[in-house]
N, C-alpha and C. Protein backbone atom coordinates (compact mmCIF):
# COMPACT_ATOMS: atom_id res chain seq x y z
N MET A 1 7.12 -21.76 3.06
CA MET A 1 7.14 -20.52 3.83
C MET A 1 5.71 -20.05 4.00
N THR A 2 5.39 -19.66 5.22
CA THR A 2 4.01 -19.13 5.43
C THR A 2 3.96 -17.68 5.04
N ARG A 3 2.75 -17.30 4.59
CA ARG A 3 2.53 -15.91 4.13
C ARG A 3 2.38 -14.98 5.36
N VAL A 4 3.08 -13.86 5.27
CA VAL A 4 2.89 -12.81 6.25
C VAL A 4 1.59 -12.13 5.86
N THR A 5 0.64 -12.04 6.85
CA THR A 5 -0.71 -11.53 6.51
C THR A 5 -0.75 -10.03 6.60
N LEU A 6 -1.80 -9.47 6.05
CA LEU A 6 -2.04 -8.06 6.15
C LEU A 6 -2.28 -7.65 7.59
N VAL A 7 -2.96 -8.45 8.34
CA VAL A 7 -3.20 -8.14 9.76
C VAL A 7 -1.86 -8.06 10.50
N GLU A 8 -0.98 -9.00 10.24
CA GLU A 8 0.35 -8.96 10.92
C GLU A 8 1.09 -7.69 10.54
N VAL A 9 1.03 -7.36 9.24
CA VAL A 9 1.72 -6.13 8.79
C VAL A 9 1.10 -4.92 9.47
N PHE A 10 -0.24 -4.86 9.50
CA PHE A 10 -0.89 -3.69 10.05
C PHE A 10 -0.62 -3.51 11.54
N LYS A 11 -0.60 -4.61 12.29
CA LYS A 11 -0.44 -4.52 13.73
C LYS A 11 0.99 -4.21 14.19
N HIS A 12 1.94 -4.30 13.29
CA HIS A 12 3.33 -4.00 13.71
C HIS A 12 3.46 -2.54 14.08
N ARG A 13 4.24 -2.26 15.10
CA ARG A 13 4.37 -0.92 15.63
C ARG A 13 4.89 0.10 14.58
N ILE A 14 5.72 -0.35 13.67
CA ILE A 14 6.26 0.56 12.62
C ILE A 14 5.11 0.92 11.65
N THR A 15 4.31 -0.03 11.29
CA THR A 15 3.15 0.28 10.45
C THR A 15 2.25 1.23 11.18
N GLN A 16 1.94 1.01 12.41
CA GLN A 16 1.04 1.86 13.17
C GLN A 16 1.58 3.28 13.20
N LYS A 17 2.84 3.44 13.45
CA LYS A 17 3.45 4.75 13.50
C LYS A 17 3.24 5.55 12.22
N TYR A 18 3.56 4.89 11.08
CA TYR A 18 3.52 5.61 9.84
C TYR A 18 2.14 5.70 9.19
N LEU A 19 1.26 4.77 9.44
CA LEU A 19 -0.08 4.89 8.91
C LEU A 19 -0.89 5.94 9.66
N GLN A 20 -0.50 6.33 10.83
CA GLN A 20 -1.14 7.48 11.54
C GLN A 20 -0.96 8.72 10.70
N ARG A 21 0.18 8.86 10.06
CA ARG A 21 0.44 10.06 9.24
C ARG A 21 -0.36 10.11 8.00
N SER A 22 -0.40 8.98 7.33
CA SER A 22 -1.01 8.97 5.96
C SER A 22 -2.49 8.58 5.99
N GLY A 23 -2.94 8.01 7.09
CA GLY A 23 -4.36 7.70 7.19
C GLY A 23 -4.63 6.21 7.09
N ILE A 24 -5.12 5.64 8.16
CA ILE A 24 -5.45 4.22 8.16
C ILE A 24 -6.57 3.93 7.19
N ASN A 25 -7.61 4.77 7.15
CA ASN A 25 -8.73 4.57 6.28
C ASN A 25 -8.25 4.49 4.85
N HIS A 26 -7.39 5.40 4.41
CA HIS A 26 -6.87 5.44 3.08
C HIS A 26 -6.09 4.16 2.76
N ALA A 27 -5.25 3.75 3.64
CA ALA A 27 -4.39 2.57 3.44
C ALA A 27 -5.27 1.29 3.26
N VAL A 28 -6.24 1.13 4.15
CA VAL A 28 -7.07 -0.05 4.09
C VAL A 28 -8.00 -0.02 2.86
N THR A 29 -8.54 1.12 2.57
CA THR A 29 -9.42 1.28 1.41
C THR A 29 -8.64 0.99 0.12
N VAL A 30 -7.44 1.49 -0.01
CA VAL A 30 -6.64 1.25 -1.19
C VAL A 30 -6.29 -0.19 -1.31
N ALA A 31 -5.99 -0.83 -0.17
CA ALA A 31 -5.69 -2.29 -0.24
C ALA A 31 -6.89 -3.07 -0.76
N GLY A 32 -8.11 -2.68 -0.38
CA GLY A 32 -9.34 -3.34 -0.91
C GLY A 32 -9.46 -3.11 -2.39
N TYR A 33 -9.24 -1.93 -2.87
CA TYR A 33 -9.31 -1.65 -4.30
C TYR A 33 -8.24 -2.43 -5.04
N ALA A 34 -7.05 -2.54 -4.43
CA ALA A 34 -5.90 -3.26 -5.07
C ALA A 34 -6.25 -4.74 -5.26
N PHE A 35 -6.93 -5.32 -4.24
CA PHE A 35 -7.35 -6.72 -4.36
C PHE A 35 -8.18 -6.93 -5.65
N ASP A 36 -9.23 -6.10 -5.79
CA ASP A 36 -10.12 -6.24 -6.91
C ASP A 36 -9.38 -6.00 -8.24
N LEU A 37 -8.56 -4.96 -8.27
CA LEU A 37 -7.79 -4.66 -9.51
C LEU A 37 -6.79 -5.77 -9.83
N ALA A 38 -6.21 -6.34 -8.79
CA ALA A 38 -5.27 -7.40 -8.99
C ALA A 38 -5.92 -8.59 -9.71
N LEU A 39 -7.11 -8.97 -9.23
CA LEU A 39 -7.82 -10.07 -9.86
C LEU A 39 -8.14 -9.80 -11.33
N LYS A 40 -8.59 -8.55 -11.58
CA LYS A 40 -8.95 -8.19 -12.98
C LYS A 40 -7.75 -8.15 -13.89
N ASN A 41 -6.55 -7.88 -13.32
CA ASN A 41 -5.37 -7.68 -14.16
C ASN A 41 -4.34 -8.81 -14.10
N GLY A 42 -4.69 -9.91 -13.50
CA GLY A 42 -3.81 -11.07 -13.43
C GLY A 42 -2.55 -10.81 -12.56
N VAL A 43 -2.76 -10.07 -11.47
CA VAL A 43 -1.66 -9.74 -10.57
C VAL A 43 -1.88 -10.49 -9.24
N ASP A 44 -0.80 -10.86 -8.62
CA ASP A 44 -0.91 -11.55 -7.31
C ASP A 44 -1.52 -10.65 -6.28
N PRO A 45 -2.74 -10.97 -5.76
CA PRO A 45 -3.40 -10.10 -4.82
C PRO A 45 -2.65 -9.97 -3.51
N ASN A 46 -1.84 -10.94 -3.14
CA ASN A 46 -1.01 -10.80 -1.90
C ASN A 46 -0.04 -9.65 -2.08
N LEU A 47 0.66 -9.61 -3.20
CA LEU A 47 1.60 -8.52 -3.45
C LEU A 47 0.86 -7.16 -3.60
N ALA A 48 -0.24 -7.17 -4.28
CA ALA A 48 -0.97 -5.90 -4.54
C ALA A 48 -1.51 -5.33 -3.27
N THR A 49 -2.12 -6.17 -2.40
CA THR A 49 -2.71 -5.62 -1.18
C THR A 49 -1.65 -5.16 -0.17
N LYS A 50 -0.57 -5.86 -0.07
CA LYS A 50 0.51 -5.47 0.79
C LYS A 50 1.09 -4.12 0.33
N SER A 51 1.34 -4.02 -0.96
CA SER A 51 1.89 -2.80 -1.52
C SER A 51 0.92 -1.63 -1.28
N ALA A 52 -0.36 -1.90 -1.52
CA ALA A 52 -1.35 -0.83 -1.32
C ALA A 52 -1.45 -0.43 0.17
N LEU A 53 -1.47 -1.39 1.04
CA LEU A 53 -1.55 -1.06 2.47
C LEU A 53 -0.39 -0.15 2.89
N LEU A 54 0.80 -0.44 2.34
CA LEU A 54 2.03 0.28 2.77
C LEU A 54 2.41 1.47 1.88
N HIS A 55 1.62 1.72 0.82
CA HIS A 55 2.09 2.65 -0.20
C HIS A 55 2.35 4.07 0.30
N ASP A 56 1.75 4.54 1.34
CA ASP A 56 1.96 5.88 1.87
C ASP A 56 2.75 5.94 3.16
N MET A 57 3.41 4.86 3.53
CA MET A 57 4.07 4.89 4.84
C MET A 57 5.30 5.79 4.90
N GLY A 58 5.62 6.42 3.82
CA GLY A 58 6.74 7.35 3.80
C GLY A 58 6.32 8.83 3.93
N HIS A 59 5.02 9.04 4.19
CA HIS A 59 4.58 10.42 4.28
C HIS A 59 5.23 11.19 5.42
N TYR A 60 5.48 12.40 5.14
CA TYR A 60 5.99 13.39 6.12
C TYR A 60 4.88 14.43 6.28
N GLU A 61 4.69 14.93 7.40
CA GLU A 61 3.64 15.93 7.62
C GLU A 61 4.19 17.33 7.36
N TRP A 62 3.60 17.99 6.37
CA TRP A 62 3.99 19.37 6.01
C TRP A 62 2.94 20.30 6.56
N TYR A 63 3.28 20.99 7.66
CA TYR A 63 2.36 21.91 8.30
C TYR A 63 2.92 23.32 8.26
N ARG A 64 2.01 24.27 8.15
CA ARG A 64 2.37 25.69 8.27
C ARG A 64 1.27 26.34 9.11
N ASP A 65 1.68 26.97 10.15
CA ASP A 65 0.77 27.63 11.08
C ASP A 65 -0.24 26.67 11.63
N GLY A 66 0.18 25.41 11.89
CA GLY A 66 -0.67 24.41 12.51
C GLY A 66 -1.70 23.76 11.55
N LYS A 67 -1.60 24.06 10.25
CA LYS A 67 -2.52 23.49 9.27
C LYS A 67 -1.72 22.78 8.19
N TRP A 68 -2.27 21.64 7.67
CA TRP A 68 -1.66 20.91 6.61
C TRP A 68 -1.49 21.81 5.40
N ASP A 69 -0.26 21.87 4.90
CA ASP A 69 0.00 22.69 3.71
C ASP A 69 0.23 21.77 2.50
N TYR A 70 -0.84 21.56 1.76
CA TYR A 70 -0.82 20.62 0.66
C TYR A 70 0.20 21.03 -0.42
N GLU A 71 0.23 22.33 -0.70
CA GLU A 71 1.16 22.83 -1.74
C GLU A 71 2.62 22.62 -1.32
N GLU A 72 2.93 22.83 -0.09
CA GLU A 72 4.30 22.63 0.43
C GLU A 72 4.66 21.16 0.36
N TYR A 73 3.68 20.31 0.71
CA TYR A 73 3.89 18.87 0.60
C TYR A 73 4.19 18.44 -0.84
N ARG A 74 3.41 18.94 -1.82
CA ARG A 74 3.57 18.58 -3.20
C ARG A 74 4.95 19.03 -3.70
N LYS A 75 5.38 20.21 -3.23
CA LYS A 75 6.66 20.77 -3.66
C LYS A 75 7.85 19.97 -3.18
N HIS A 76 7.78 19.39 -1.99
CA HIS A 76 8.93 18.72 -1.34
C HIS A 76 8.75 17.23 -1.14
N ASP A 77 7.68 16.68 -1.67
CA ASP A 77 7.37 15.28 -1.43
C ASP A 77 8.34 14.25 -1.93
N ILE A 78 8.75 13.36 -1.09
CA ILE A 78 9.50 12.16 -1.49
C ILE A 78 8.99 10.93 -0.76
N HIS A 79 7.70 10.95 -0.40
CA HIS A 79 7.15 9.92 0.43
C HIS A 79 7.32 8.51 -0.16
N ALA A 80 7.27 8.40 -1.48
CA ALA A 80 7.35 7.11 -2.08
C ALA A 80 8.79 6.50 -1.88
N ILE A 81 9.79 7.32 -1.90
CA ILE A 81 11.15 6.87 -1.65
C ILE A 81 11.29 6.41 -0.23
N LYS A 82 10.87 7.18 0.69
CA LYS A 82 10.95 6.82 2.12
C LYS A 82 10.07 5.65 2.40
N GLY A 83 8.91 5.58 1.85
CA GLY A 83 8.01 4.46 2.06
C GLY A 83 8.52 3.17 1.55
N ALA A 84 9.14 3.15 0.38
CA ALA A 84 9.73 1.95 -0.18
C ALA A 84 10.77 1.36 0.75
N GLU A 85 11.60 2.18 1.30
CA GLU A 85 12.63 1.69 2.24
C GLU A 85 11.95 1.18 3.52
N ARG A 86 11.02 1.91 4.07
CA ARG A 86 10.36 1.45 5.28
C ARG A 86 9.59 0.16 5.06
N ALA A 87 8.89 0.05 3.95
CA ALA A 87 8.11 -1.16 3.61
C ALA A 87 9.06 -2.39 3.52
N HIS A 88 10.17 -2.23 2.85
CA HIS A 88 11.13 -3.34 2.70
C HIS A 88 11.65 -3.78 4.04
N LYS A 89 12.12 -2.84 4.81
CA LYS A 89 12.66 -3.15 6.15
C LYS A 89 11.61 -3.79 7.03
N LEU A 90 10.42 -3.32 7.04
CA LEU A 90 9.33 -3.90 7.85
C LEU A 90 9.02 -5.35 7.43
N LEU A 91 8.87 -5.56 6.15
CA LEU A 91 8.55 -6.91 5.69
C LEU A 91 9.67 -7.93 5.96
N ILE A 92 10.87 -7.50 5.85
CA ILE A 92 12.00 -8.38 6.19
C ILE A 92 11.97 -8.70 7.67
N ARG A 93 11.72 -7.70 8.49
CA ARG A 93 11.61 -7.96 9.95
C ARG A 93 10.49 -8.93 10.29
N LEU A 94 9.39 -8.89 9.56
CA LEU A 94 8.26 -9.78 9.77
C LEU A 94 8.54 -11.16 9.25
N GLY A 95 9.63 -11.38 8.54
CA GLY A 95 9.94 -12.69 8.03
C GLY A 95 9.39 -12.96 6.63
N GLU A 96 9.03 -11.88 5.91
CA GLU A 96 8.53 -12.06 4.57
C GLU A 96 9.62 -12.53 3.62
N ASP A 97 9.22 -13.26 2.59
CA ASP A 97 10.12 -13.69 1.54
C ASP A 97 10.82 -12.46 0.96
N ARG A 98 12.10 -12.57 0.73
CA ARG A 98 12.83 -11.38 0.26
C ARG A 98 12.39 -10.86 -1.10
N LEU A 99 12.02 -11.75 -1.98
CA LEU A 99 11.51 -11.33 -3.31
C LEU A 99 10.17 -10.62 -3.16
N VAL A 100 9.32 -11.10 -2.28
CA VAL A 100 8.05 -10.41 -2.04
C VAL A 100 8.31 -9.03 -1.48
N ALA A 101 9.25 -8.95 -0.50
CA ALA A 101 9.58 -7.65 0.07
C ALA A 101 10.08 -6.69 -1.00
N LYS A 102 10.89 -7.18 -1.90
CA LYS A 102 11.42 -6.34 -2.98
C LYS A 102 10.33 -5.85 -3.92
N GLU A 103 9.43 -6.79 -4.32
CA GLU A 103 8.36 -6.42 -5.23
C GLU A 103 7.42 -5.37 -4.59
N VAL A 104 7.10 -5.61 -3.32
CA VAL A 104 6.22 -4.67 -2.63
C VAL A 104 6.91 -3.30 -2.51
N SER A 105 8.18 -3.31 -2.18
CA SER A 105 8.95 -2.10 -2.02
C SER A 105 8.96 -1.28 -3.33
N LEU A 106 9.18 -1.98 -4.43
CA LEU A 106 9.21 -1.32 -5.74
C LEU A 106 7.80 -0.76 -6.13
N ALA A 107 6.75 -1.50 -5.77
CA ALA A 107 5.39 -0.99 -6.02
C ALA A 107 5.14 0.25 -5.17
N VAL A 108 5.60 0.28 -3.98
CA VAL A 108 5.46 1.49 -3.11
C VAL A 108 6.24 2.65 -3.73
N LEU A 109 7.48 2.39 -4.18
CA LEU A 109 8.29 3.40 -4.80
C LEU A 109 7.65 4.04 -6.04
N LEU A 110 6.98 3.20 -6.81
CA LEU A 110 6.48 3.65 -8.09
C LEU A 110 4.95 3.82 -8.15
N HIS A 111 4.32 3.88 -6.99
CA HIS A 111 2.87 4.09 -7.02
C HIS A 111 2.53 5.54 -7.42
N THR A 112 3.47 6.42 -7.42
CA THR A 112 3.27 7.81 -7.79
C THR A 112 4.52 8.28 -8.54
N ASP A 113 4.35 9.29 -9.39
CA ASP A 113 5.54 9.87 -9.98
C ASP A 113 5.64 11.37 -9.62
N SER A 114 4.94 11.71 -8.51
CA SER A 114 4.90 13.10 -8.10
C SER A 114 6.27 13.69 -7.73
N TYR A 115 7.21 12.83 -7.33
CA TYR A 115 8.51 13.28 -6.95
C TYR A 115 9.55 13.20 -8.08
N LEU A 116 9.12 12.71 -9.22
CA LEU A 116 10.04 12.54 -10.34
C LEU A 116 9.92 13.67 -11.34
N PRO A 117 10.96 13.97 -12.06
CA PRO A 117 10.89 15.06 -13.09
C PRO A 117 10.30 14.51 -14.39
N PHE A 118 9.76 13.31 -14.43
CA PHE A 118 9.13 12.71 -15.57
C PHE A 118 7.97 11.84 -15.10
N ASP A 119 7.09 11.44 -16.02
CA ASP A 119 5.99 10.57 -15.57
C ASP A 119 6.31 9.10 -15.90
N LEU A 120 5.59 8.25 -15.26
CA LEU A 120 5.82 6.80 -15.39
C LEU A 120 4.80 6.11 -16.30
N HIS A 121 4.12 6.93 -17.11
CA HIS A 121 3.11 6.37 -17.99
C HIS A 121 3.72 5.24 -18.87
N ASN A 122 3.09 4.10 -18.84
CA ASN A 122 3.54 2.92 -19.61
C ASN A 122 4.92 2.34 -19.21
N LYS A 123 5.40 2.70 -18.06
CA LYS A 123 6.69 2.24 -17.55
C LYS A 123 6.56 1.33 -16.34
N ARG A 124 5.39 1.26 -15.74
CA ARG A 124 5.18 0.42 -14.54
C ARG A 124 4.88 -0.99 -14.91
N THR A 125 5.24 -1.91 -13.98
CA THR A 125 4.78 -3.29 -14.13
C THR A 125 3.29 -3.35 -13.85
N LYS A 126 2.69 -4.54 -14.10
CA LYS A 126 1.24 -4.63 -13.81
C LYS A 126 0.96 -4.44 -12.33
N LEU A 127 1.80 -4.99 -11.45
CA LEU A 127 1.64 -4.79 -10.01
C LEU A 127 1.68 -3.29 -9.65
N GLN A 128 2.72 -2.64 -10.15
CA GLN A 128 2.90 -1.16 -9.86
C GLN A 128 1.72 -0.39 -10.36
N GLN A 129 1.21 -0.74 -11.49
CA GLN A 129 0.05 -0.03 -12.09
C GLN A 129 -1.21 -0.27 -11.24
N VAL A 130 -1.39 -1.49 -10.76
CA VAL A 130 -2.56 -1.79 -9.92
C VAL A 130 -2.49 -0.91 -8.65
N VAL A 131 -1.35 -0.81 -8.04
CA VAL A 131 -1.28 -0.05 -6.79
C VAL A 131 -1.50 1.45 -7.11
N ALA A 132 -0.91 1.96 -8.17
CA ALA A 132 -1.11 3.37 -8.55
C ALA A 132 -2.60 3.63 -8.83
N GLU A 133 -3.26 2.75 -9.50
CA GLU A 133 -4.68 2.92 -9.84
C GLU A 133 -5.53 2.83 -8.60
N ALA A 134 -5.26 1.88 -7.76
CA ALA A 134 -6.03 1.78 -6.46
C ALA A 134 -5.90 3.05 -5.66
N ASP A 135 -4.73 3.63 -5.58
CA ASP A 135 -4.50 4.90 -4.88
C ASP A 135 -5.31 6.04 -5.52
N ARG A 136 -5.27 6.08 -6.86
CA ARG A 136 -5.99 7.14 -7.57
C ARG A 136 -7.53 7.03 -7.31
N ILE A 137 -8.02 5.85 -7.21
CA ILE A 137 -9.47 5.66 -7.00
C ILE A 137 -9.93 6.35 -5.71
N ASP A 138 -9.08 6.23 -4.66
CA ASP A 138 -9.46 6.78 -3.37
C ASP A 138 -9.07 8.23 -3.15
N GLU A 139 -8.29 8.80 -4.13
CA GLU A 139 -7.77 10.14 -3.94
C GLU A 139 -8.87 11.20 -3.94
N GLN A 140 -8.65 12.21 -3.10
CA GLN A 140 -9.54 13.38 -3.06
C GLN A 140 -8.74 14.65 -3.21
N PRO A 141 -9.33 15.75 -3.64
CA PRO A 141 -8.56 16.95 -3.77
C PRO A 141 -7.87 17.42 -2.51
N ASN A 142 -6.73 18.02 -2.67
CA ASN A 142 -5.94 18.59 -1.58
C ASN A 142 -5.58 17.56 -0.46
N GLY A 143 -5.49 16.30 -0.84
CA GLY A 143 -5.00 15.32 0.09
C GLY A 143 -6.05 14.93 1.16
N LEU A 144 -7.30 15.26 0.99
CA LEU A 144 -8.34 14.99 2.00
C LEU A 144 -8.54 13.50 2.28
N HIS A 145 -8.17 12.65 1.33
CA HIS A 145 -8.31 11.18 1.55
C HIS A 145 -7.43 10.72 2.71
N HIS A 146 -6.42 11.47 3.08
CA HIS A 146 -5.57 11.12 4.21
C HIS A 146 -6.20 11.41 5.54
N TYR A 147 -7.33 12.09 5.55
CA TYR A 147 -7.96 12.52 6.81
C TYR A 147 -9.29 11.80 7.11
N LYS A 148 -9.68 10.87 6.26
CA LYS A 148 -10.86 10.05 6.58
C LYS A 148 -10.50 9.19 7.74
N GLU A 149 -11.43 9.05 8.66
CA GLU A 149 -11.17 8.27 9.86
C GLU A 149 -11.61 6.80 9.71
N MET A 150 -10.89 5.93 10.44
CA MET A 150 -11.26 4.55 10.56
C MET A 150 -10.71 4.02 11.87
N ASP A 151 -11.57 3.43 12.63
CA ASP A 151 -11.18 2.79 13.88
C ASP A 151 -10.20 1.63 13.58
N LYS A 152 -9.18 1.47 14.44
CA LYS A 152 -8.19 0.41 14.21
C LYS A 152 -8.84 -0.97 14.25
N GLY A 153 -9.83 -1.16 15.09
CA GLY A 153 -10.55 -2.45 15.13
C GLY A 153 -11.23 -2.75 13.83
N ASP A 154 -11.85 -1.72 13.23
CA ASP A 154 -12.51 -1.86 11.94
C ASP A 154 -11.48 -2.19 10.84
N ALA A 155 -10.31 -1.53 10.96
CA ALA A 155 -9.25 -1.76 9.97
C ALA A 155 -8.83 -3.24 10.05
N VAL A 156 -8.62 -3.75 11.26
CA VAL A 156 -8.20 -5.13 11.44
C VAL A 156 -9.23 -6.08 10.85
N LYS A 157 -10.50 -5.79 11.08
CA LYS A 157 -11.59 -6.66 10.56
C LYS A 157 -11.58 -6.64 9.02
N SER A 158 -11.42 -5.50 8.45
CA SER A 158 -11.36 -5.38 6.97
C SER A 158 -10.17 -6.13 6.38
N LEU A 159 -9.02 -5.94 7.04
CA LEU A 159 -7.81 -6.62 6.58
C LEU A 159 -7.88 -8.14 6.76
N TYR A 160 -8.51 -8.56 7.84
CA TYR A 160 -8.71 -10.00 8.06
C TYR A 160 -9.55 -10.59 6.95
N GLN A 161 -10.60 -9.86 6.54
CA GLN A 161 -11.44 -10.35 5.44
C GLN A 161 -10.66 -10.40 4.13
N LEU A 162 -9.80 -9.39 3.91
CA LEU A 162 -8.93 -9.46 2.75
C LEU A 162 -7.96 -10.62 2.83
N ASP A 163 -7.39 -10.87 3.98
CA ASP A 163 -6.50 -12.04 4.13
C ASP A 163 -7.23 -13.32 3.79
N LEU A 164 -8.47 -13.48 4.19
CA LEU A 164 -9.23 -14.66 3.85
C LEU A 164 -9.41 -14.78 2.33
N LYS A 165 -9.67 -13.68 1.69
CA LYS A 165 -9.85 -13.69 0.20
C LYS A 165 -8.60 -14.06 -0.48
N ILE A 166 -7.46 -13.52 0.01
CA ILE A 166 -6.13 -13.83 -0.53
C ILE A 166 -5.84 -15.29 -0.38
N ASP A 167 -6.08 -15.83 0.82
CA ASP A 167 -5.82 -17.24 1.08
C ASP A 167 -6.68 -18.08 0.15
N HIS A 168 -7.91 -17.73 -0.01
CA HIS A 168 -8.81 -18.48 -0.92
C HIS A 168 -8.27 -18.44 -2.34
N PHE A 169 -7.84 -17.26 -2.78
CA PHE A 169 -7.30 -17.13 -4.14
C PHE A 169 -6.02 -18.00 -4.27
N LEU A 170 -5.12 -17.92 -3.32
CA LEU A 170 -3.89 -18.64 -3.38
C LEU A 170 -4.12 -20.16 -3.39
N GLN A 171 -5.10 -20.60 -2.61
CA GLN A 171 -5.40 -22.01 -2.59
C GLN A 171 -6.05 -22.44 -3.90
N SER A 172 -7.03 -21.73 -4.43
CA SER A 172 -7.66 -22.11 -5.66
C SER A 172 -6.71 -21.94 -6.85
N ASP A 173 -5.89 -20.93 -6.83
CA ASP A 173 -4.89 -20.73 -7.90
C ASP A 173 -3.88 -21.85 -7.91
N GLY A 174 -3.46 -22.31 -6.72
CA GLY A 174 -2.52 -23.40 -6.63
C GLY A 174 -3.13 -24.74 -7.09
N GLU A 175 -4.41 -24.91 -6.82
CA GLU A 175 -5.13 -26.13 -7.31
C GLU A 175 -5.21 -26.15 -8.82
N GLU A 176 -5.50 -24.98 -9.44
CA GLU A 176 -5.59 -24.87 -10.88
C GLU A 176 -4.24 -25.16 -11.53
N MET A 177 -3.16 -24.68 -10.91
CA MET A 177 -1.86 -24.80 -11.46
C MET A 177 -1.38 -26.27 -11.38
N SER A 178 -1.88 -27.04 -10.41
CA SER A 178 -1.47 -28.44 -10.27
C SER A 178 -2.20 -29.34 -11.22
N ARG A 179 -3.23 -28.85 -11.89
CA ARG A 179 -4.04 -29.67 -12.87
C ARG A 179 -3.32 -29.79 -14.18
């Protein structure tokens, strides 16, 4: 089975629709951090980068008087739940392996515990922890990380470079495993 690439995921109309809400710059930046963290923590970078790219696709815009209301968002946020469902459905549509789609979906679901009445400290898998940490690295006060701009063409270029790194890792990892 061929790997569904980050560029393919990014270019899909569903991804485009939802990343407009949460910020393309944030999604692409977090995917880059997730790649590096995945390598350091023995996690599949394909799973980590896909999860990171899609981690905020469940965002809903909470506005009051035409301005983003961060406190209202924090009070009613369930973006991880909605995002997990959207990520799974998207990946299946793209022809992704069902187990990959499930792992990515769970990492999206558990990248934050802001919607839970308890925290997830020491309860996440290594993949889920990588995605949560990558998100935290890019986070800014009051959700400002969602408003950093990135041209779609620049996003595609960055994701293409990540795809090349993932392919290289998967090829070299496969060679080591066959020895």
